[in-house]
Amino acid sequence: MGIKPEEIIAEIPHLNLAQVHAALAYYYANKEQIDADIAAEEAECDRLATEGKARS
């Protein structure tokens, strides 16, 4: 999302900088799978929204 780790801890103060860096490291180590999971969830949300509109 382009947010710096320091900005993340300012927005979510219960996290510390080490936790943010660990999460980012995990993301970059598993980027393809995480991005695919996010895309699949977004597609499912879109499908459900379209299905719901069709029923209205």
N, C-alpha and C. Protein backbone atom coordinates (compact mmCIF):
# COMPACT_ATOMS: atom_id res chain seq x y z
N MET A 1 0.82 -1.20 0.00
CA MET A 1 0.00 0.00 0.00
C MET A 1 0.86 1.25 0.00
N GLY A 2 2.16 1.11 0.10
CA GLY A 2 3.03 2.27 0.05
C GLY A 2 3.19 3.01 1.36
N ILE A 3 2.76 2.40 2.44
CA ILE A 3 2.87 3.04 3.75
C ILE A 3 4.18 2.60 4.40
N LYS A 4 4.87 3.53 4.99
CA LYS A 4 6.12 3.22 5.67
C LYS A 4 5.83 2.50 6.99
N PRO A 5 6.73 1.62 7.43
CA PRO A 5 6.52 0.92 8.70
C PRO A 5 6.25 1.87 9.87
N GLU A 6 6.92 2.99 9.90
CA GLU A 6 6.69 3.96 10.98
C GLU A 6 5.28 4.52 10.94
N GLU A 7 4.72 4.66 9.75
CA GLU A 7 3.35 5.14 9.61
C GLU A 7 2.36 4.08 10.08
N ILE A 8 2.70 2.83 9.84
CA ILE A 8 1.82 1.74 10.28
C ILE A 8 1.72 1.72 11.80
N ILE A 9 2.86 1.83 12.48
CA ILE A 9 2.78 1.79 13.95
C ILE A 9 2.12 3.05 14.52
N ALA A 10 2.16 4.14 13.77
CA ALA A 10 1.43 5.34 14.21
C ALA A 10 -0.07 5.11 14.10
N GLU A 11 -0.50 4.36 13.08
CA GLU A 11 -1.92 4.08 12.88
C GLU A 11 -2.41 2.91 13.74
N ILE A 12 -1.52 1.97 14.02
CA ILE A 12 -1.87 0.78 14.80
C ILE A 12 -0.88 0.67 15.95
N PRO A 13 -1.07 1.46 16.99
CA PRO A 13 -0.05 1.61 18.04
C PRO A 13 0.22 0.36 18.89
N HIS A 14 -0.65 -0.65 18.84
CA HIS A 14 -0.37 -1.85 19.62
C HIS A 14 0.69 -2.73 18.95
N LEU A 15 1.07 -2.39 17.71
CA LEU A 15 2.17 -3.09 17.04
C LEU A 15 3.47 -2.33 17.28
N ASN A 16 4.56 -3.08 17.29
CA ASN A 16 5.85 -2.40 17.36
C ASN A 16 6.55 -2.55 16.01
N LEU A 17 7.63 -1.84 15.84
CA LEU A 17 8.33 -1.82 14.56
C LEU A 17 8.83 -3.20 14.15
N ALA A 18 9.29 -3.98 15.10
CA ALA A 18 9.76 -5.34 14.80
C ALA A 18 8.62 -6.19 14.25
N GLN A 19 7.43 -6.07 14.80
CA GLN A 19 6.29 -6.84 14.33
C GLN A 19 5.91 -6.44 12.90
N VAL A 20 5.96 -5.17 12.62
CA VAL A 20 5.63 -4.69 11.27
C VAL A 20 6.66 -5.22 10.27
N HIS A 21 7.93 -5.14 10.63
CA HIS A 21 8.97 -5.66 9.73
C HIS A 21 8.84 -7.17 9.54
N ALA A 22 8.47 -7.88 10.58
CA ALA A 22 8.28 -9.33 10.46
C ALA A 22 7.11 -9.64 9.52
N ALA A 23 6.03 -8.89 9.63
CA ALA A 23 4.89 -9.09 8.75
C ALA A 23 5.25 -8.77 7.30
N LEU A 24 6.00 -7.71 7.10
CA LEU A 24 6.43 -7.36 5.74
C LEU A 24 7.36 -8.42 5.17
N ALA A 25 8.26 -8.93 5.99
CA ALA A 25 9.18 -9.99 5.54
C ALA A 25 8.38 -11.23 5.14
N TYR A 26 7.38 -11.59 5.94
CA TYR A 26 6.53 -12.74 5.61
C TYR A 26 5.81 -12.51 4.29
N TYR A 27 5.27 -11.31 4.12
CA TYR A 27 4.56 -10.99 2.89
C TYR A 27 5.49 -11.15 1.68
N TYR A 28 6.67 -10.54 1.75
CA TYR A 28 7.57 -10.60 0.59
C TYR A 28 8.09 -12.02 0.34
N ALA A 29 8.19 -12.82 1.36
CA ALA A 29 8.62 -14.21 1.19
C ALA A 29 7.52 -15.07 0.58
N ASN A 30 6.26 -14.61 0.69
CA ASN A 30 5.10 -15.39 0.22
C ASN A 30 4.20 -14.55 -0.68
N LYS A 31 4.78 -13.58 -1.35
CA LYS A 31 4.01 -12.58 -2.10
C LYS A 31 3.06 -13.18 -3.12
N GLU A 32 3.52 -14.12 -3.93
CA GLU A 32 2.66 -14.69 -4.96
C GLU A 32 1.41 -15.34 -4.37
N GLN A 33 1.58 -16.13 -3.32
CA GLN A 33 0.44 -16.81 -2.72
C GLN A 33 -0.50 -15.83 -2.03
N ILE A 34 0.06 -14.87 -1.31
CA ILE A 34 -0.78 -13.89 -0.61
C ILE A 34 -1.56 -13.05 -1.61
N ASP A 35 -0.89 -12.58 -2.67
CA ASP A 35 -1.58 -11.79 -3.68
C ASP A 35 -2.67 -12.60 -4.37
N ALA A 36 -2.41 -13.88 -4.63
CA ALA A 36 -3.43 -14.75 -5.24
C ALA A 36 -4.62 -14.92 -4.30
N ASP A 37 -4.36 -15.10 -3.02
CA ASP A 37 -5.44 -15.24 -2.03
C ASP A 37 -6.29 -13.97 -1.97
N ILE A 38 -5.63 -12.82 -1.98
CA ILE A 38 -6.35 -11.53 -1.93
C ILE A 38 -7.20 -11.38 -3.18
N ALA A 39 -6.65 -11.69 -4.35
CA ALA A 39 -7.40 -11.58 -5.60
C ALA A 39 -8.61 -12.52 -5.59
N ALA A 40 -8.44 -13.73 -5.08
CA ALA A 40 -9.55 -14.68 -5.01
C ALA A 40 -10.64 -14.18 -4.07
N GLU A 41 -10.26 -13.60 -2.95
CA GLU A 41 -11.26 -13.06 -2.02
C GLU A 41 -12.00 -11.89 -2.63
N GLU A 42 -11.28 -11.01 -3.34
CA GLU A 42 -11.92 -9.88 -3.99
C GLU A 42 -12.89 -10.35 -5.07
N ALA A 43 -12.49 -11.35 -5.84
CA ALA A 43 -13.36 -11.90 -6.88
C ALA A 43 -14.62 -12.49 -6.27
N GLU A 44 -14.47 -13.19 -5.16
CA GLU A 44 -15.63 -13.78 -4.48
C GLU A 44 -16.56 -12.69 -3.95
N CYS A 45 -16.01 -11.64 -3.40
CA CYS A 45 -16.83 -10.52 -2.92
C CYS A 45 -17.59 -9.87 -4.07
N ASP A 46 -16.90 -9.68 -5.20
CA ASP A 46 -17.57 -9.11 -6.38
C ASP A 46 -18.68 -10.03 -6.86
N ARG A 47 -18.42 -11.33 -6.90
CA ARG A 47 -19.42 -12.30 -7.34
C ARG A 47 -20.65 -12.26 -6.43
N LEU A 48 -20.41 -12.22 -5.13
CA LEU A 48 -21.53 -12.19 -4.18
C LEU A 48 -22.31 -10.89 -4.28
N ALA A 49 -21.61 -9.78 -4.50
CA ALA A 49 -22.29 -8.50 -4.64
C ALA A 49 -23.16 -8.49 -5.90
N THR A 50 -22.62 -9.02 -6.98
CA THR A 50 -23.38 -9.09 -8.23
C THR A 50 -24.58 -10.01 -8.07
N GLU A 51 -24.38 -11.14 -7.41
CA GLU A 51 -25.45 -12.10 -7.17
C GLU A 51 -26.55 -11.45 -6.32
N GLY A 52 -26.14 -10.70 -5.30
CA GLY A 52 -27.11 -10.03 -4.44
C GLY A 52 -27.92 -8.98 -5.17
N LYS A 53 -27.27 -8.26 -6.07
CA LYS A 53 -27.98 -7.23 -6.85
C LYS A 53 -28.97 -7.89 -7.80
N ALA A 54 -28.62 -9.04 -8.34
CA ALA A 54 -29.50 -9.75 -9.27
C ALA A 54 -30.77 -10.22 -8.57
N ARG A 55 -30.67 -10.52 -7.30
CA ARG A 55 -31.82 -10.99 -6.52
C ARG A 55 -32.75 -9.86 -6.12
N SER A 56 -32.22 -8.63 -6.11
CA SER A 56 -33.03 -7.47 -5.67
C SER A 56 -34.02 -7.03 -6.70
